[in-house]
Amino acid sequence: MRLVIARCSVDYAGRLTAHLPSAPRLILVKADGSVSIHADDRAYKPLNWMSPPCALKEGTGDEEGVWTVVNKAGEKLIITMEEILHDSSHELGVDPGLIKDGVEAHLQELLADRIETLGEGYTLIRREYMTAIGPVDILCRDAEGRTVAVEIKRRGEIDGVEQLTRYLELLNRDPHLAPVRGVFAAQEIKPQARVLATDRGIGCQVLDYNAMRGIEDDKLRLF
């Protein structure tokens, strides 16, 4: 992997056009040929990229300081270097792969931190909202201010729907919260559980553990 920190501007030309004005950025050139440009405030998401297979050409002569990345569709990512602050290459070797650790407690923490996963405008009330029969994993409000109770499982089965149903019965007795609707969230929801949840007016949400952690697949998209 090659890491370059440089003050640069970036232009994309393909199905559409996009321009990043001059600023200090991190450029990653991976062994698979992919090139991605990062800022210091976007977590894992690049500002722009070119997925493999693609070819990188570093300009010379009058074009010195201009990198042109071209993919198989003929789309171009043009990086104009103004000042290179750091340039190094590192051999990472073969990665052993991800060992998933998506226990329910971690899923709850991730979803609470990224509550917009449930929908635009959602806000968190609290995690582990206590009731007389146990804690609701997450209590939140939707974009319209309505209370939503979320039950989280790694594998969503009928027992989880029944558990959420009992919580909803109690929560809807509280005039400060009612009406409360339910969302059954899991990495995988069994068909029988989905049918039961739908019959009881409970929404279902499949959680993408990797995406919530900031680990995406290799199908990066420009927008």
Protein backbone atom coordinates (compact mmCIF):
# COMPACT_ATOMS: atom_id res chain seq x y z
CA MET A 1 0.00 0.00 0.00
CA ARG A 2 1.21 3.49 -0.86
CA LEU A 3 0.26 6.41 1.38
CA VAL A 4 0.59 9.94 0.07
CA ILE A 5 -0.33 13.07 2.01
CA ALA A 6 -0.49 16.03 -0.33
CA ARG A 7 -2.13 19.34 -1.00
CA CYS A 8 -4.08 18.58 -4.14
CA SER A 9 -7.24 19.11 -6.14
CA VAL A 10 -9.26 16.26 -7.62
CA ASP A 11 -11.50 16.04 -10.69
CA TYR A 12 -13.69 13.11 -11.67
CA ALA A 13 -14.88 12.71 -15.24
CA GLY A 14 -17.26 9.92 -16.16
CA ARG A 15 -21.01 9.45 -16.06
CA LEU A 16 -21.01 12.76 -14.19
CA THR A 17 -18.38 15.25 -13.07
CA ALA A 18 -17.18 16.23 -9.62
CA HIS A 19 -14.50 18.56 -8.31
CA LEU A 20 -12.63 18.72 -5.01
CA PRO A 21 -10.85 22.07 -4.56
CA SER A 22 -7.30 22.28 -3.30
CA ALA A 23 -6.76 21.02 0.27
CA PRO A 24 -4.46 18.66 2.21
CA ARG A 25 -5.62 15.06 1.72
CA LEU A 26 -4.58 11.45 2.19
CA ILE A 27 -4.32 9.35 -0.98
CA LEU A 28 -4.28 5.56 -0.69
CA VAL A 29 -3.02 3.43 -3.56
CA LYS A 30 -3.66 -0.25 -2.83
CA ALA A 31 -2.09 -3.35 -4.31
CA ASP A 32 -5.36 -4.19 -6.07
CA GLY A 33 -5.01 -0.96 -8.08
CA SER A 34 -7.70 1.02 -6.29
CA VAL A 35 -7.11 4.67 -5.47
CA SER A 36 -9.03 6.59 -2.80
CA ILE A 37 -8.81 10.15 -1.50
CA HIS A 38 -9.56 10.90 2.14
CA ALA A 39 -10.10 13.96 4.35
CA ASP A 40 -9.54 14.06 8.11
CA ASP A 41 -13.24 14.34 9.01
CA ARG A 42 -15.09 11.57 7.19
CA ALA A 43 -14.29 8.44 9.24
CA TYR A 44 -13.98 5.52 6.82
CA LYS A 45 -15.62 7.10 3.75
CA PRO A 46 -13.34 8.47 1.03
CA LEU A 47 -14.13 11.76 -0.67
CA ASN A 48 -13.55 10.16 -4.04
CA TRP A 49 -12.13 6.91 -5.38
CA MET A 50 -11.60 4.60 -8.31
CA SER A 51 -12.28 0.91 -7.82
CA PRO A 52 -10.19 -1.79 -9.51
CA PRO A 53 -9.42 -2.71 -12.16
CA CYS A 54 -7.88 0.64 -12.99
CA ALA A 55 -4.54 2.10 -14.03
CA LEU A 56 -2.59 4.93 -12.43
CA LYS A 57 -0.32 7.13 -14.55
CA GLU A 58 1.90 9.74 -12.93
CA GLY A 59 2.56 12.63 -15.29
CA THR A 60 6.01 13.76 -16.39
CA GLY A 61 7.36 16.89 -18.05
CA ASP A 62 4.62 19.47 -18.47
CA GLU A 63 2.23 17.03 -16.76
CA GLU A 64 4.46 16.42 -13.74
CA GLY A 65 2.44 16.34 -10.54
CA VAL A 66 -0.74 15.21 -12.31
CA TRP A 67 -1.97 11.68 -11.53
CA THR A 68 -4.55 10.19 -13.87
CA VAL A 69 -6.46 7.10 -12.80
CA VAL A 70 -8.52 5.38 -15.50
CA ASN A 71 -10.90 2.44 -15.00
CA LYS A 72 -12.11 -0.11 -17.54
CA ALA A 73 -15.12 2.07 -18.39
CA GLY A 74 -12.87 4.97 -19.35
CA GLU A 75 -13.82 7.08 -16.35
CA LYS A 76 -11.01 9.27 -15.04
CA LEU A 77 -9.90 10.49 -11.65
CA ILE A 78 -7.40 13.33 -12.09
CA ILE A 79 -5.35 14.33 -9.04
CA THR A 80 -3.35 17.53 -9.36
CA MET A 81 -0.57 17.63 -6.79
CA GLU A 82 0.54 21.00 -5.48
CA GLU A 83 2.73 19.86 -2.61
CA ILE A 84 3.59 16.34 -1.41
CA LEU A 85 4.01 16.21 2.36
CA HIS A 86 4.52 12.47 2.75
CA ASP A 87 5.01 9.51 0.39
CA SER A 88 5.64 5.98 1.64
CA SER A 89 4.93 2.39 0.61
CA HIS A 90 4.24 -0.56 2.91
CA GLU A 91 3.84 -4.29 2.26
CA LEU A 92 0.83 -5.46 4.26
CA GLY A 93 0.73 -9.05 3.03
CA VAL A 94 -2.33 -11.26 2.92
CA ASP A 95 -5.05 -10.19 5.33
CA PRO A 96 -6.44 -13.00 7.53
CA GLY A 97 -9.97 -11.62 7.10
CA LEU A 98 -12.59 -10.31 9.48
CA ILE A 99 -13.54 -12.28 12.56
CA LYS A 100 -17.02 -11.04 13.34
CA ASP A 101 -17.89 -10.25 16.93
CA GLY A 102 -21.39 -8.89 16.56
CA VAL A 103 -22.81 -9.78 19.94
CA GLU A 104 -26.09 -8.20 20.87
CA ALA A 105 -24.50 -5.75 23.33
CA HIS A 106 -22.19 -4.44 20.62
CA LEU A 107 -25.01 -4.23 18.10
CA GLN A 108 -27.00 -2.22 20.63
CA GLU A 109 -24.08 0.15 21.19
CA LEU A 110 -23.52 0.61 17.46
CA LEU A 111 -27.19 1.21 16.69
CA ALA A 112 -27.52 3.71 19.54
CA ASP A 113 -24.53 5.58 18.14
CA ARG A 114 -25.94 5.41 14.61
CA ILE A 115 -29.64 5.71 15.34
CA GLU A 116 -30.23 7.21 11.89
CA THR A 117 -29.83 3.64 10.61
CA LEU A 118 -33.51 3.24 11.51
CA GLY A 119 -34.49 6.25 9.41
CA GLU A 120 -33.78 9.90 8.80
CA GLY A 121 -34.63 12.13 11.72
CA TYR A 122 -34.48 9.45 14.43
CA THR A 123 -33.13 10.55 17.84
CA LEU A 124 -32.05 8.45 20.79
CA ILE A 125 -33.88 8.67 24.12
CA ARG A 126 -31.74 6.08 25.89
CA ARG A 127 -30.30 2.59 25.81
CA GLU A 128 -31.51 -0.08 28.26
CA TYR A 129 -34.78 1.70 29.08
CA MET A 130 -36.02 -0.14 32.15
CA THR A 131 -39.53 -1.58 32.43
CA ALA A 132 -41.12 -3.78 35.09
CA ILE A 133 -40.20 -6.90 33.10
CA GLY A 134 -36.72 -5.89 31.96
CA PRO A 135 -34.88 -3.31 29.86
CA VAL A 136 -35.84 -2.31 26.34
CA ASP A 137 -32.65 -2.32 24.25
CA ILE A 138 -33.22 1.12 22.72
CA LEU A 139 -35.92 3.73 23.15
CA CYS A 140 -35.93 6.50 20.55
CA ARG A 141 -38.14 8.90 18.62
CA ASP A 142 -38.79 8.96 14.91
CA ALA A 143 -38.74 12.05 12.69
CA GLU A 144 -42.32 12.86 13.73
CA GLY A 145 -41.55 12.67 17.44
CA ARG A 146 -43.26 9.32 18.06
CA THR A 147 -41.75 6.90 20.55
CA VAL A 148 -40.13 3.77 19.14
CA ALA A 149 -38.97 0.73 21.14
CA VAL A 150 -36.25 -1.38 19.52
CA GLU A 151 -35.42 -4.97 20.40
CA ILE A 152 -32.04 -6.17 19.08
CA LYS A 153 -30.99 -9.76 18.38
CA ARG A 154 -28.20 -11.39 16.42
CA ARG A 155 -30.73 -13.82 14.98
CA GLY A 156 -34.30 -12.60 14.94
CA GLU A 157 -36.69 -15.38 15.89
CA ILE A 158 -40.25 -15.60 17.19
CA ASP A 159 -39.18 -15.39 20.84
CA GLY A 160 -37.69 -11.96 20.19
CA VAL A 161 -40.93 -10.70 18.68
CA GLU A 162 -42.86 -12.00 21.68
CA GLN A 163 -40.44 -10.24 24.02
CA LEU A 164 -40.86 -6.94 22.19
CA THR A 165 -44.65 -7.37 22.21
CA ARG A 166 -44.61 -7.59 26.02
CA TYR A 167 -42.47 -4.46 26.27
CA LEU A 168 -44.82 -2.56 23.97
CA GLU A 169 -47.83 -3.52 26.08
CA LEU A 170 -46.19 -1.97 29.14
CA LEU A 171 -44.76 1.09 27.40
CA ASN A 172 -48.10 1.98 25.86
CA ARG A 173 -49.60 2.27 29.35
CA ASP A 174 -47.33 5.25 30.01
CA PRO A 175 -49.14 8.40 28.80
CA HIS A 176 -45.79 10.21 28.50
CA LEU A 177 -44.59 7.70 25.92
CA ALA A 178 -47.72 6.40 24.20
CA PRO A 179 -48.27 5.66 21.44
CA VAL A 180 -45.17 3.46 21.21
CA ARG A 181 -44.44 1.35 18.15
CA GLY A 182 -41.88 -1.41 17.91
CA VAL A 183 -38.95 -2.24 15.66
CA PHE A 184 -37.40 -5.72 15.69
CA ALA A 185 -33.76 -5.38 14.62
CA ALA A 186 -31.33 -8.22 13.92
CA GLN A 187 -28.53 -9.28 11.62
CA GLU A 188 -30.84 -11.98 10.32
CA ILE A 189 -34.62 -12.19 10.74
CA LYS A 190 -36.29 -15.57 10.31
CA PRO A 191 -39.32 -15.60 7.97
CA GLN A 192 -41.67 -16.78 10.73
CA ALA A 193 -40.52 -13.94 13.00
CA ARG A 194 -41.03 -11.41 10.23
CA VAL A 195 -44.57 -12.67 9.58
CA LEU A 196 -45.45 -12.48 13.29
CA ALA A 197 -43.93 -9.00 13.65
CA THR A 198 -45.82 -7.71 10.62
CA ASP A 199 -49.07 -9.17 11.94
CA ARG A 200 -48.55 -7.26 15.20
CA GLY A 201 -47.64 -3.99 13.53
CA ILE A 202 -43.97 -4.27 14.45
CA GLY A 203 -41.38 -3.10 11.94
CA CYS A 204 -38.36 -5.20 11.01
CA GLN A 205 -34.84 -3.87 10.45
CA VAL A 206 -31.94 -6.01 9.22
CA LEU A 207 -28.67 -4.68 10.65
CA ASP A 208 -25.54 -4.68 8.49
CA TYR A 209 -22.88 -5.17 11.13
CA ASN A 210 -19.94 -4.33 8.87
CA ALA A 211 -21.52 -1.13 7.57
CA MET A 212 -22.38 -0.01 11.11
CA ARG A 213 -18.79 -0.57 12.18
CA GLY A 214 -17.52 1.30 9.16
CA ILE A 215 -16.34 -1.76 7.24
CA GLU A 216 -17.69 -1.70 3.72
CA ASP A 217 -17.43 -4.20 0.92
CA ASP A 218 -15.32 -3.41 -2.13
CA LYS A 219 -18.20 -1.98 -4.13
CA LEU A 220 -17.51 1.68 -3.45
CA ARG A 221 -19.74 4.17 -5.17
CA LEU A 222 -19.04 7.79 -6.05
CA PHE A 223 -22.32 9.07 -4.58
